[in-house]
Amino acid sequence: MVITRLLLPLLLVLLPHFVLAESAVTSGLQSYKFGPGDALKISVYQEPDLSVTAEISQQGYIDMPLLGSIKMTGHTQQSAKEYLEQRLKDGYLVSPSVSITIDSYRPFFIYGEVRNPGSYDYQPDITLEQAIALSGGLLDRASRSAWHIQRGADKATFKAEADTIILPGDVIKIDKSFF
């Protein structure tokens, strides 16, 4: 009873921080836009012949039965679902229900002052510090703070911290230290 009385106020203070952190990560992937290299599983309810597992081509397309080549680059999961349902309604099905899951994400890339630069399979919730560890760690002359990430179709670049969450397709540059 005493422990409960002591822990309850602490839990009430900490709980909102956990919920906010979780929702920030979830919302990041909810607004995630498909790009070349992402593999998708698309199924249409009660239409197994229309189901497909495909990787988005470098041009941004996948091939679907009945519909042919469909541009998927730039769509979120929800917008792609709505787009495919609309296309299937146009002369094919009465009330299609499309389900899309991401089978695998495109890789992220890291170069500069790391031991093993290259591409690495994306893992949800991976931080920049963990990505550096995957690449073998920093070289002796690497900067401990001049880390940059290039993200998105517009190739926007920003300075990153150790706890920055990496997204699929990110390009990470680790600069040299001047001292």
N, C-alpha and C. Protein backbone atom coordinates (compact mmCIF):
# COMPACT_ATOMS: atom_id res chain seq x y z
N MET A 1 0.83 -1.18 0.00
CA MET A 1 0.00 0.00 0.00
C MET A 1 0.88 1.25 0.00
N VAL A 2 1.95 1.24 0.81
CA VAL A 2 2.85 2.38 0.88
C VAL A 2 3.60 2.53 -0.44
N ILE A 3 4.02 1.40 -1.00
CA ILE A 3 4.73 1.43 -2.28
C ILE A 3 3.82 2.00 -3.38
N THR A 4 2.58 1.58 -3.39
CA THR A 4 1.62 2.07 -4.38
C THR A 4 1.45 3.58 -4.25
N ARG A 5 1.35 4.06 -3.03
CA ARG A 5 1.17 5.49 -2.80
C ARG A 5 2.41 6.28 -3.25
N LEU A 6 3.58 5.67 -3.15
CA LEU A 6 4.81 6.34 -3.57
C LEU A 6 5.00 6.27 -5.08
N LEU A 7 4.67 5.14 -5.70
CA LEU A 7 4.90 4.95 -7.12
C LEU A 7 3.85 5.59 -8.01
N LEU A 8 2.62 5.70 -7.53
CA LEU A 8 1.55 6.26 -8.36
C LEU A 8 1.85 7.67 -8.83
N PRO A 9 2.29 8.59 -7.96
CA PRO A 9 2.61 9.94 -8.47
C PRO A 9 3.74 9.93 -9.50
N LEU A 10 4.74 9.07 -9.29
CA LEU A 10 5.84 8.96 -10.24
C LEU A 10 5.34 8.44 -11.58
N LEU A 11 4.49 7.44 -11.55
CA LEU A 11 3.92 6.88 -12.77
C LEU A 11 3.10 7.92 -13.53
N LEU A 12 2.33 8.72 -12.79
CA LEU A 12 1.52 9.75 -13.43
C LEU A 12 2.37 10.84 -14.08
N VAL A 13 3.56 11.07 -13.54
CA VAL A 13 4.47 12.06 -14.12
C VAL A 13 5.16 11.48 -15.36
N LEU A 14 5.58 10.23 -15.30
CA LEU A 14 6.36 9.63 -16.39
C LEU A 14 5.52 9.12 -17.55
N LEU A 15 4.30 8.68 -17.30
CA LEU A 15 3.47 8.07 -18.34
C LEU A 15 3.27 8.96 -19.56
N PRO A 16 2.97 10.25 -19.41
CA PRO A 16 2.80 11.08 -20.61
C PRO A 16 4.04 11.14 -21.49
N HIS A 17 5.24 11.05 -20.88
CA HIS A 17 6.47 11.09 -21.67
C HIS A 17 6.61 9.82 -22.51
N PHE A 18 6.24 8.66 -21.96
CA PHE A 18 6.29 7.41 -22.72
C PHE A 18 5.29 7.44 -23.84
N VAL A 19 4.09 7.92 -23.59
CA VAL A 19 3.05 7.98 -24.60
C VAL A 19 3.46 8.92 -25.72
N LEU A 20 4.02 10.09 -25.39
CA LEU A 20 4.47 11.03 -26.41
C LEU A 20 5.60 10.46 -27.24
N ALA A 21 6.55 9.79 -26.61
CA ALA A 21 7.67 9.20 -27.35
C ALA A 21 7.16 8.14 -28.31
N GLU A 22 6.26 7.29 -27.86
CA GLU A 22 5.71 6.23 -28.72
C GLU A 22 4.92 6.82 -29.87
N SER A 23 4.11 7.85 -29.59
CA SER A 23 3.29 8.42 -30.66
C SER A 23 4.15 9.16 -31.67
N ALA A 24 5.29 9.73 -31.25
CA ALA A 24 6.17 10.41 -32.19
C ALA A 24 6.78 9.40 -33.17
N VAL A 25 7.21 8.24 -32.66
CA VAL A 25 7.78 7.22 -33.53
C VAL A 25 6.70 6.66 -34.45
N THR A 26 5.53 6.37 -33.90
CA THR A 26 4.43 5.82 -34.70
C THR A 26 4.00 6.80 -35.78
N SER A 27 3.87 8.08 -35.42
CA SER A 27 3.44 9.05 -36.42
C SER A 27 4.49 9.23 -37.50
N GLY A 28 5.77 9.05 -37.17
CA GLY A 28 6.82 9.14 -38.17
C GLY A 28 6.65 8.09 -39.26
N LEU A 29 6.32 6.87 -38.88
CA LEU A 29 6.13 5.81 -39.87
C LEU A 29 4.74 5.87 -40.48
N GLN A 30 3.74 6.45 -39.79
CA GLN A 30 2.41 6.59 -40.38
C GLN A 30 2.46 7.57 -41.54
N SER A 31 3.29 8.58 -41.44
CA SER A 31 3.40 9.55 -42.52
C SER A 31 4.53 9.18 -43.48
N TYR A 32 5.10 8.00 -43.30
CA TYR A 32 6.18 7.50 -44.15
C TYR A 32 5.70 7.35 -45.58
N LYS A 33 6.47 7.90 -46.51
CA LYS A 33 6.11 7.83 -47.92
C LYS A 33 6.94 6.75 -48.60
N PHE A 34 6.26 5.92 -49.39
CA PHE A 34 6.92 4.83 -50.10
C PHE A 34 7.93 5.38 -51.10
N GLY A 35 8.97 4.59 -51.32
CA GLY A 35 9.98 4.96 -52.29
C GLY A 35 10.59 3.72 -52.93
N PRO A 36 11.42 3.92 -53.95
CA PRO A 36 12.06 2.80 -54.62
C PRO A 36 12.80 1.91 -53.63
N GLY A 37 12.61 0.61 -53.76
CA GLY A 37 13.26 -0.35 -52.87
C GLY A 37 12.36 -0.87 -51.77
N ASP A 38 11.27 -0.19 -51.46
CA ASP A 38 10.31 -0.70 -50.48
C ASP A 38 9.56 -1.88 -51.10
N ALA A 39 9.38 -2.94 -50.33
CA ALA A 39 8.61 -4.10 -50.80
C ALA A 39 7.26 -4.09 -50.09
N LEU A 40 6.19 -4.18 -50.87
CA LEU A 40 4.83 -4.10 -50.34
C LEU A 40 4.07 -5.38 -50.57
N LYS A 41 3.19 -5.72 -49.62
CA LYS A 41 2.22 -6.80 -49.79
C LYS A 41 0.86 -6.12 -49.91
N ILE A 42 0.24 -6.32 -51.05
CA ILE A 42 -1.06 -5.70 -51.30
C ILE A 42 -2.07 -6.82 -51.51
N SER A 43 -3.15 -6.77 -50.74
CA SER A 43 -4.20 -7.77 -50.91
C SER A 43 -5.55 -7.07 -51.01
N VAL A 44 -6.43 -7.69 -51.79
CA VAL A 44 -7.78 -7.19 -51.96
C VAL A 44 -8.71 -8.23 -51.35
N TYR A 45 -9.54 -7.79 -50.41
CA TYR A 45 -10.42 -8.69 -49.68
C TYR A 45 -11.26 -9.54 -50.63
N GLN A 46 -11.21 -10.84 -50.45
CA GLN A 46 -11.95 -11.86 -51.21
C GLN A 46 -11.62 -11.84 -52.69
N GLU A 47 -10.45 -11.37 -53.05
CA GLU A 47 -9.97 -11.38 -54.43
C GLU A 47 -8.51 -11.82 -54.45
N PRO A 48 -8.24 -13.11 -54.17
CA PRO A 48 -6.85 -13.56 -54.07
C PRO A 48 -6.05 -13.38 -55.37
N ASP A 49 -6.74 -13.37 -56.52
CA ASP A 49 -6.03 -13.19 -57.79
C ASP A 49 -5.47 -11.77 -57.95
N LEU A 50 -5.96 -10.83 -57.15
CA LEU A 50 -5.49 -9.45 -57.24
C LEU A 50 -4.40 -9.13 -56.23
N SER A 51 -4.08 -10.10 -55.36
CA SER A 51 -3.04 -9.88 -54.35
C SER A 51 -1.67 -9.95 -54.99
N VAL A 52 -0.77 -9.12 -54.48
CA VAL A 52 0.58 -9.07 -55.05
C VAL A 52 1.59 -8.68 -53.97
N THR A 53 2.79 -9.22 -54.09
CA THR A 53 3.93 -8.78 -53.29
C THR A 53 4.94 -8.27 -54.28
N ALA A 54 5.32 -7.02 -54.16
CA ALA A 54 6.21 -6.41 -55.15
C ALA A 54 7.11 -5.37 -54.52
N GLU A 55 8.28 -5.21 -55.13
CA GLU A 55 9.20 -4.15 -54.74
C GLU A 55 8.98 -2.96 -55.67
N ILE A 56 8.95 -1.77 -55.10
CA ILE A 56 8.78 -0.57 -55.91
C ILE A 56 10.05 -0.36 -56.73
N SER A 57 9.86 -0.21 -58.04
CA SER A 57 10.99 -0.06 -58.95
C SER A 57 11.69 1.28 -58.75
N GLN A 58 12.85 1.44 -59.37
CA GLN A 58 13.60 2.69 -59.28
C GLN A 58 12.81 3.86 -59.89
N GLN A 59 11.88 3.55 -60.79
CA GLN A 59 11.03 4.58 -61.37
C GLN A 59 9.82 4.88 -60.49
N GLY A 60 9.60 4.05 -59.44
CA GLY A 60 8.53 4.31 -58.49
C GLY A 60 7.25 3.53 -58.73
N TYR A 61 7.28 2.48 -59.53
CA TYR A 61 6.08 1.75 -59.90
C TYR A 61 6.09 0.30 -59.42
N ILE A 62 4.88 -0.26 -59.29
CA ILE A 62 4.70 -1.70 -59.11
C ILE A 62 3.67 -2.14 -60.15
N ASP A 63 3.66 -3.43 -60.45
CA ASP A 63 2.67 -3.97 -61.38
C ASP A 63 1.58 -4.68 -60.60
N MET A 64 0.32 -4.34 -60.94
CA MET A 64 -0.85 -4.94 -60.28
C MET A 64 -1.73 -5.60 -61.33
N PRO A 65 -2.30 -6.77 -61.00
CA PRO A 65 -3.26 -7.39 -61.91
C PRO A 65 -4.43 -6.43 -62.17
N LEU A 66 -4.93 -6.42 -63.37
CA LEU A 66 -6.01 -5.55 -63.85
C LEU A 66 -5.58 -4.10 -64.05
N LEU A 67 -4.78 -3.57 -63.15
CA LEU A 67 -4.45 -2.15 -63.18
C LEU A 67 -3.17 -1.82 -63.94
N GLY A 68 -2.30 -2.81 -64.10
CA GLY A 68 -1.03 -2.56 -64.78
C GLY A 68 -0.03 -1.89 -63.86
N SER A 69 0.73 -0.97 -64.43
CA SER A 69 1.79 -0.28 -63.70
C SER A 69 1.20 0.88 -62.89
N ILE A 70 1.41 0.85 -61.58
CA ILE A 70 0.84 1.84 -60.66
C ILE A 70 1.98 2.57 -59.96
N LYS A 71 1.94 3.89 -59.99
CA LYS A 71 2.96 4.69 -59.29
C LYS A 71 2.70 4.66 -57.78
N MET A 72 3.69 4.23 -57.01
CA MET A 72 3.55 4.13 -55.56
C MET A 72 4.45 5.11 -54.81
N THR A 73 5.49 5.61 -55.46
CA THR A 73 6.39 6.56 -54.82
C THR A 73 5.62 7.80 -54.38
N GLY A 74 5.87 8.22 -53.15
CA GLY A 74 5.23 9.43 -52.62
C GLY A 74 3.94 9.18 -51.88
N HIS A 75 3.39 7.97 -52.00
CA HIS A 75 2.15 7.64 -51.28
C HIS A 75 2.48 7.20 -49.86
N THR A 76 1.61 7.55 -48.91
CA THR A 76 1.66 6.94 -47.59
C THR A 76 0.85 5.64 -47.68
N GLN A 77 0.88 4.86 -46.64
CA GLN A 77 0.13 3.60 -46.62
C GLN A 77 -1.36 3.88 -46.84
N GLN A 78 -1.89 4.89 -46.15
CA GLN A 78 -3.31 5.21 -46.25
C GLN A 78 -3.67 5.77 -47.63
N SER A 79 -2.85 6.68 -48.16
CA SER A 79 -3.17 7.26 -49.46
C SER A 79 -3.07 6.23 -50.57
N ALA A 80 -2.13 5.28 -50.46
CA ALA A 80 -2.01 4.21 -51.46
C ALA A 80 -3.23 3.30 -51.41
N LYS A 81 -3.69 2.99 -50.20
CA LYS A 81 -4.89 2.17 -50.03
C LYS A 81 -6.09 2.83 -50.71
N GLU A 82 -6.30 4.10 -50.43
CA GLU A 82 -7.43 4.83 -51.01
C GLU A 82 -7.31 4.92 -52.54
N TYR A 83 -6.10 5.16 -53.02
CA TYR A 83 -5.85 5.27 -54.46
C TYR A 83 -6.17 3.95 -55.18
N LEU A 84 -5.69 2.84 -54.62
CA LEU A 84 -5.94 1.53 -55.24
C LEU A 84 -7.42 1.17 -55.18
N GLU A 85 -8.08 1.46 -54.07
CA GLU A 85 -9.52 1.18 -53.98
C GLU A 85 -10.29 1.97 -55.04
N GLN A 86 -9.92 3.21 -55.23
CA GLN A 86 -10.60 4.03 -56.25
C GLN A 86 -10.36 3.49 -57.65
N ARG A 87 -9.13 3.10 -57.93
CA ARG A 87 -8.80 2.55 -59.25
C ARG A 87 -9.55 1.24 -59.50
N LEU A 88 -9.70 0.40 -58.46
CA LEU A 88 -10.41 -0.87 -58.62
C LEU A 88 -11.92 -0.66 -58.75
N LYS A 89 -12.45 0.43 -58.19
CA LYS A 89 -13.88 0.74 -58.32
C LYS A 89 -14.22 1.14 -59.75
N ASP A 90 -13.27 1.73 -60.43
CA ASP A 90 -13.50 2.22 -61.79
C ASP A 90 -13.62 1.07 -62.79
N GLY A 91 -14.75 0.36 -62.74
CA GLY A 91 -15.02 -0.66 -63.74
C GLY A 91 -14.63 -2.07 -63.39
N TYR A 92 -14.04 -2.30 -62.21
CA TYR A 92 -13.60 -3.65 -61.89
C TYR A 92 -14.38 -4.27 -60.74
N LEU A 93 -14.41 -3.62 -59.59
CA LEU A 93 -15.06 -4.16 -58.40
C LEU A 93 -16.08 -3.17 -57.85
N VAL A 94 -17.11 -3.69 -57.16
CA VAL A 94 -18.16 -2.83 -56.61
C VAL A 94 -17.66 -2.06 -55.39
N SER A 95 -17.12 -2.78 -54.40
CA SER A 95 -16.67 -2.14 -53.17
C SER A 95 -15.37 -2.81 -52.69
N PRO A 96 -14.25 -2.50 -53.36
CA PRO A 96 -12.99 -3.16 -52.99
C PRO A 96 -12.47 -2.69 -51.64
N SER A 97 -11.84 -3.62 -50.93
CA SER A 97 -11.17 -3.30 -49.67
C SER A 97 -9.72 -3.75 -49.79
N VAL A 98 -8.82 -2.78 -49.86
CA VAL A 98 -7.40 -3.04 -50.09
C VAL A 98 -6.64 -2.97 -48.77
N SER A 99 -5.72 -3.88 -48.59
CA SER A 99 -4.85 -3.89 -47.42
C SER A 99 -3.41 -3.83 -47.92
N ILE A 100 -2.63 -2.93 -47.33
CA ILE A 100 -1.22 -2.79 -47.72
C ILE A 100 -0.36 -2.91 -46.48
N THR A 101 0.63 -3.79 -46.55
CA THR A 101 1.63 -3.88 -45.48
C THR A 101 3.01 -3.74 -46.11
N ILE A 102 3.93 -3.22 -45.35
CA ILE A 102 5.30 -3.08 -45.83
C ILE A 102 6.04 -4.37 -45.49
N ASP A 103 6.44 -5.08 -46.52
CA ASP A 103 7.16 -6.34 -46.35
C ASP A 103 8.60 -6.07 -45.92
N SER A 104 9.24 -5.11 -46.58
CA SER A 104 10.57 -4.67 -46.16
C SER A 104 10.79 -3.24 -46.63
N TYR A 105 11.53 -2.50 -45.83
CA TYR A 105 11.83 -1.10 -46.13
C TYR A 105 13.08 -1.00 -46.98
N ARG A 106 13.23 0.12 -47.67
CA ARG A 106 14.46 0.38 -48.40
C ARG A 106 15.58 0.62 -47.38
N PRO A 107 16.81 0.39 -47.76
CA PRO A 107 17.91 0.54 -46.80
C PRO A 107 18.22 2.01 -46.51
N PHE A 108 19.02 2.24 -45.48
CA PHE A 108 19.59 3.56 -45.24
C PHE A 108 21.08 3.46 -45.57
N PHE A 109 21.72 4.59 -45.77
CA PHE A 109 23.12 4.61 -46.19
C PHE A 109 23.92 5.46 -45.22
N ILE A 110 25.17 5.05 -45.01
CA ILE A 110 26.06 5.81 -44.13
C ILE A 110 27.44 5.85 -44.77
N TYR A 111 28.04 7.05 -44.78
CA TYR A 111 29.37 7.19 -45.35
C TYR A 111 30.13 8.28 -44.59
N GLY A 112 31.40 8.39 -44.94
CA GLY A 112 32.26 9.35 -44.25
C GLY A 112 33.19 8.62 -43.31
N GLU A 113 33.35 9.17 -42.13
CA GLU A 113 34.33 8.68 -41.17
C GLU A 113 33.79 7.54 -40.29
N VAL A 114 33.36 6.46 -40.95
CA VAL A 114 32.94 5.23 -40.26
C VAL A 114 33.76 4.07 -40.81
N ARG A 115 33.85 3.01 -40.04
CA ARG A 115 34.70 1.87 -40.43
C ARG A 115 34.17 1.12 -41.66
N ASN A 116 32.86 0.96 -41.77
CA ASN A 116 32.29 0.20 -42.88
C ASN A 116 31.14 0.99 -43.53
N PRO A 117 31.48 1.97 -44.36
CA PRO A 117 30.42 2.73 -45.02
C PRO A 117 29.65 1.83 -45.98
N GLY A 118 28.39 2.18 -46.23
CA GLY A 118 27.59 1.40 -47.17
C GLY A 118 26.12 1.48 -46.84
N SER A 119 25.37 0.53 -47.41
CA SER A 119 23.93 0.49 -47.15
C SER A 119 23.64 -0.58 -46.11
N TYR A 120 22.62 -0.31 -45.30
CA TYR A 120 22.23 -1.23 -44.22
C TYR A 120 20.72 -1.38 -44.21
N ASP A 121 20.26 -2.58 -43.89
CA ASP A 121 18.82 -2.83 -43.81
C ASP A 121 18.22 -1.95 -42.72
N TYR A 122 17.10 -1.34 -43.05
CA TYR A 122 16.40 -0.50 -42.08
C TYR A 122 15.78 -1.35 -40.99
N GLN A 123 15.86 -0.86 -39.77
CA GLN A 123 15.22 -1.47 -38.61
C GLN A 123 14.40 -0.40 -37.93
N PRO A 124 13.11 -0.64 -37.69
CA PRO A 124 12.28 0.40 -37.05
C PRO A 124 12.90 0.91 -35.75
N ASP A 125 12.77 2.20 -35.53
CA ASP A 125 13.22 2.89 -34.31
C ASP A 125 14.73 2.91 -34.13
N ILE A 126 15.51 2.70 -35.17
CA ILE A 126 16.96 2.75 -35.04
C ILE A 126 17.40 4.21 -34.93
N THR A 127 18.33 4.46 -34.03
CA THR A 127 18.85 5.82 -33.84
C THR A 127 20.15 5.97 -34.64
N LEU A 128 20.58 7.21 -34.78
CA LEU A 128 21.83 7.48 -35.49
C LEU A 128 23.01 6.80 -34.79
N GLU A 129 23.02 6.84 -33.47
CA GLU A 129 24.09 6.19 -32.72
C GLU A 129 24.13 4.68 -33.02
N GLN A 130 22.97 4.05 -33.11
CA GLN A 130 22.92 2.62 -33.43
C GLN A 130 23.35 2.36 -34.87
N ALA A 131 23.00 3.27 -35.78
CA ALA A 131 23.42 3.13 -37.18
C ALA A 131 24.94 3.21 -37.29
N ILE A 132 25.54 4.11 -36.53
CA ILE A 132 27.00 4.22 -36.51
C ILE A 132 27.62 2.93 -35.98
N ALA A 133 27.03 2.37 -34.95
CA ALA A 133 27.51 1.10 -34.40
C ALA A 133 27.41 -0.02 -35.43
N LEU A 134 26.30 -0.06 -36.19
CA LEU A 134 26.15 -1.07 -37.25
C LEU A 134 27.26 -0.96 -38.28
N SER A 135 27.69 0.25 -38.55
CA SER A 135 28.72 0.46 -39.57
C SER A 135 30.14 0.30 -39.01
N GLY A 136 30.26 -0.26 -37.84
CA GLY A 136 31.57 -0.55 -37.28
C GLY A 136 32.13 0.51 -36.36
N GLY A 137 31.40 1.60 -36.18
CA GLY A 137 31.85 2.65 -35.29
C GLY A 137 32.58 3.76 -36.04
N LEU A 138 32.93 4.78 -35.30
CA LEU A 138 33.61 5.95 -35.87
C LEU A 138 35.10 5.70 -36.02
N LEU A 139 35.69 6.30 -37.04
CA LEU A 139 37.14 6.26 -37.20
C LEU A 139 37.76 7.26 -36.23
N ASP A 140 39.08 7.17 -36.04
CA ASP A 140 39.77 8.03 -35.08
C ASP A 140 39.59 9.51 -35.38
N ARG A 141 39.58 9.90 -36.65
CA ARG A 141 39.49 11.31 -37.03
C ARG A 141 38.05 11.79 -37.21
N ALA A 142 37.08 10.97 -36.86
CA ALA A 142 35.67 11.33 -37.05
C ALA A 142 35.24 12.39 -36.05
N SER A 143 34.39 13.28 -36.53
CA SER A 143 33.78 14.27 -35.64
C SER A 143 32.82 13.55 -34.70
N ARG A 144 32.72 14.04 -33.51
CA ARG A 144 31.79 13.46 -32.54
C ARG A 144 30.45 14.19 -32.56
N SER A 145 30.32 15.21 -33.43
CA SER A 145 29.06 15.95 -33.46
C SER A 145 28.65 16.43 -34.86
N ALA A 146 29.56 16.45 -35.82
CA ALA A 146 29.21 16.93 -37.17
C ALA A 146 28.65 15.77 -37.98
N TRP A 147 27.40 15.44 -37.69
CA TRP A 147 26.70 14.35 -38.36
C TRP A 147 25.50 14.94 -39.09
N HIS A 148 25.33 14.58 -40.34
CA HIS A 148 24.24 15.14 -41.15
C HIS A 148 23.43 14.02 -41.80
N ILE A 149 22.14 14.28 -41.95
CA ILE A 149 21.25 13.32 -42.60
C ILE A 149 20.57 14.01 -43.77
N GLN A 150 20.58 13.34 -44.90
CA GLN A 150 19.85 13.79 -46.08
C GLN A 150 18.61 12.92 -46.17
N ARG A 151 17.43 13.56 -46.23
CA ARG A 151 16.17 12.81 -46.11
C ARG A 151 15.14 13.31 -47.12
N GLY A 152 14.34 12.38 -47.61
CA GLY A 152 13.18 12.73 -48.42
C GLY A 152 13.49 12.97 -49.88
N ALA A 153 12.42 13.11 -50.66
CA ALA A 153 12.55 13.32 -52.10
C ALA A 153 13.23 14.65 -52.41
N ASP A 154 13.06 15.64 -51.53
CA ASP A 154 13.68 16.95 -51.77
C ASP A 154 15.13 17.00 -51.32
N LYS A 155 15.63 15.89 -50.75
CA LYS A 155 17.03 15.77 -50.31
C LYS A 155 17.42 16.81 -49.27
N ALA A 156 16.49 17.17 -48.41
CA ALA A 156 16.76 18.14 -47.34
C ALA A 156 17.80 17.56 -46.39
N THR A 157 18.79 18.37 -46.04
CA THR A 157 19.87 17.95 -45.15
C THR A 157 19.77 18.71 -43.84
N PHE A 158 19.97 17.99 -42.74
CA PHE A 158 19.94 18.62 -41.42
C PHE A 158 20.99 18.00 -40.52
N LYS A 159 21.40 18.77 -39.51
CA LYS A 159 22.36 18.29 -38.50
C LYS A 159 21.63 17.35 -37.56
N ALA A 160 22.24 16.22 -37.27
CA ALA A 160 21.59 15.21 -36.45
C ALA A 160 22.35 14.98 -35.14
N GLU A 161 21.63 14.46 -34.18
CA GLU A 161 22.19 14.10 -32.87
C GLU A 161 22.22 12.58 -32.76
N ALA A 162 22.85 12.07 -31.72
CA ALA A 162 22.98 10.63 -31.52
C ALA A 162 21.63 9.94 -31.40
N ASP A 163 20.62 10.63 -30.84
CA ASP A 163 19.32 10.00 -30.64
C ASP A 163 18.32 10.28 -31.77
N THR A 164 18.77 10.87 -32.88
CA THR A 164 17.89 11.11 -34.03
C THR A 164 17.45 9.77 -34.61
N ILE A 165 16.16 9.64 -34.86
CA ILE A 165 15.63 8.40 -35.44
C ILE A 165 15.91 8.39 -36.94
N ILE A 166 16.44 7.27 -37.42
CA ILE A 166 16.75 7.08 -38.83
C ILE A 166 15.50 6.55 -39.52
N LEU A 167 15.26 7.02 -40.74
CA LEU A 167 14.14 6.53 -41.56
C LEU A 167 14.69 5.83 -42.79
N PRO A 168 13.89 4.95 -43.40
CA PRO A 168 14.33 4.27 -44.62
C PRO A 168 14.74 5.28 -45.69
N GLY A 169 15.83 5.00 -46.37
CA GLY A 169 16.29 5.87 -47.44
C GLY A 169 17.17 7.02 -46.99
N ASP A 170 17.34 7.21 -45.67
CA ASP A 170 18.20 8.28 -45.18
C ASP A 170 19.63 8.06 -45.64
N VAL A 171 20.33 9.16 -45.90
CA VAL A 171 21.75 9.12 -46.23
C VAL A 171 22.47 9.89 -45.12
N ILE A 172 23.32 9.19 -44.39
CA ILE A 172 24.00 9.74 -43.22
C ILE A 172 25.45 10.04 -43.59
N LYS A 173 25.90 11.25 -43.28
CA LYS A 173 27.29 11.62 -43.52
C LYS A 173 27.95 11.95 -42.19
N ILE A 174 29.08 11.30 -41.93
CA ILE A 174 29.87 11.55 -40.72
C ILE A 174 31.12 12.30 -41.17
N ASP A 175 31.23 13.57 -40.75
CA ASP A 175 32.35 14.43 -41.16
C ASP A 175 33.60 14.11 -40.34
N LYS A 176 34.76 14.64 -40.85
CA LYS A 176 36.03 14.58 -40.13
C LYS A 176 36.03 15.64 -39.06
N SER A 177 36.78 15.38 -38.01
CA SER A 177 36.97 16.36 -36.95
C SER A 177 38.16 17.25 -37.34
N PHE A 178 38.08 18.52 -37.01
CA PHE A 178 39.18 19.42 -37.33
C PHE A 178 40.24 19.42 -36.24
N PHE A 179 39.95 18.80 -35.11
CA PHE A 179 40.91 18.80 -34.00
C PHE A 179 41.26 17.42 -33.60
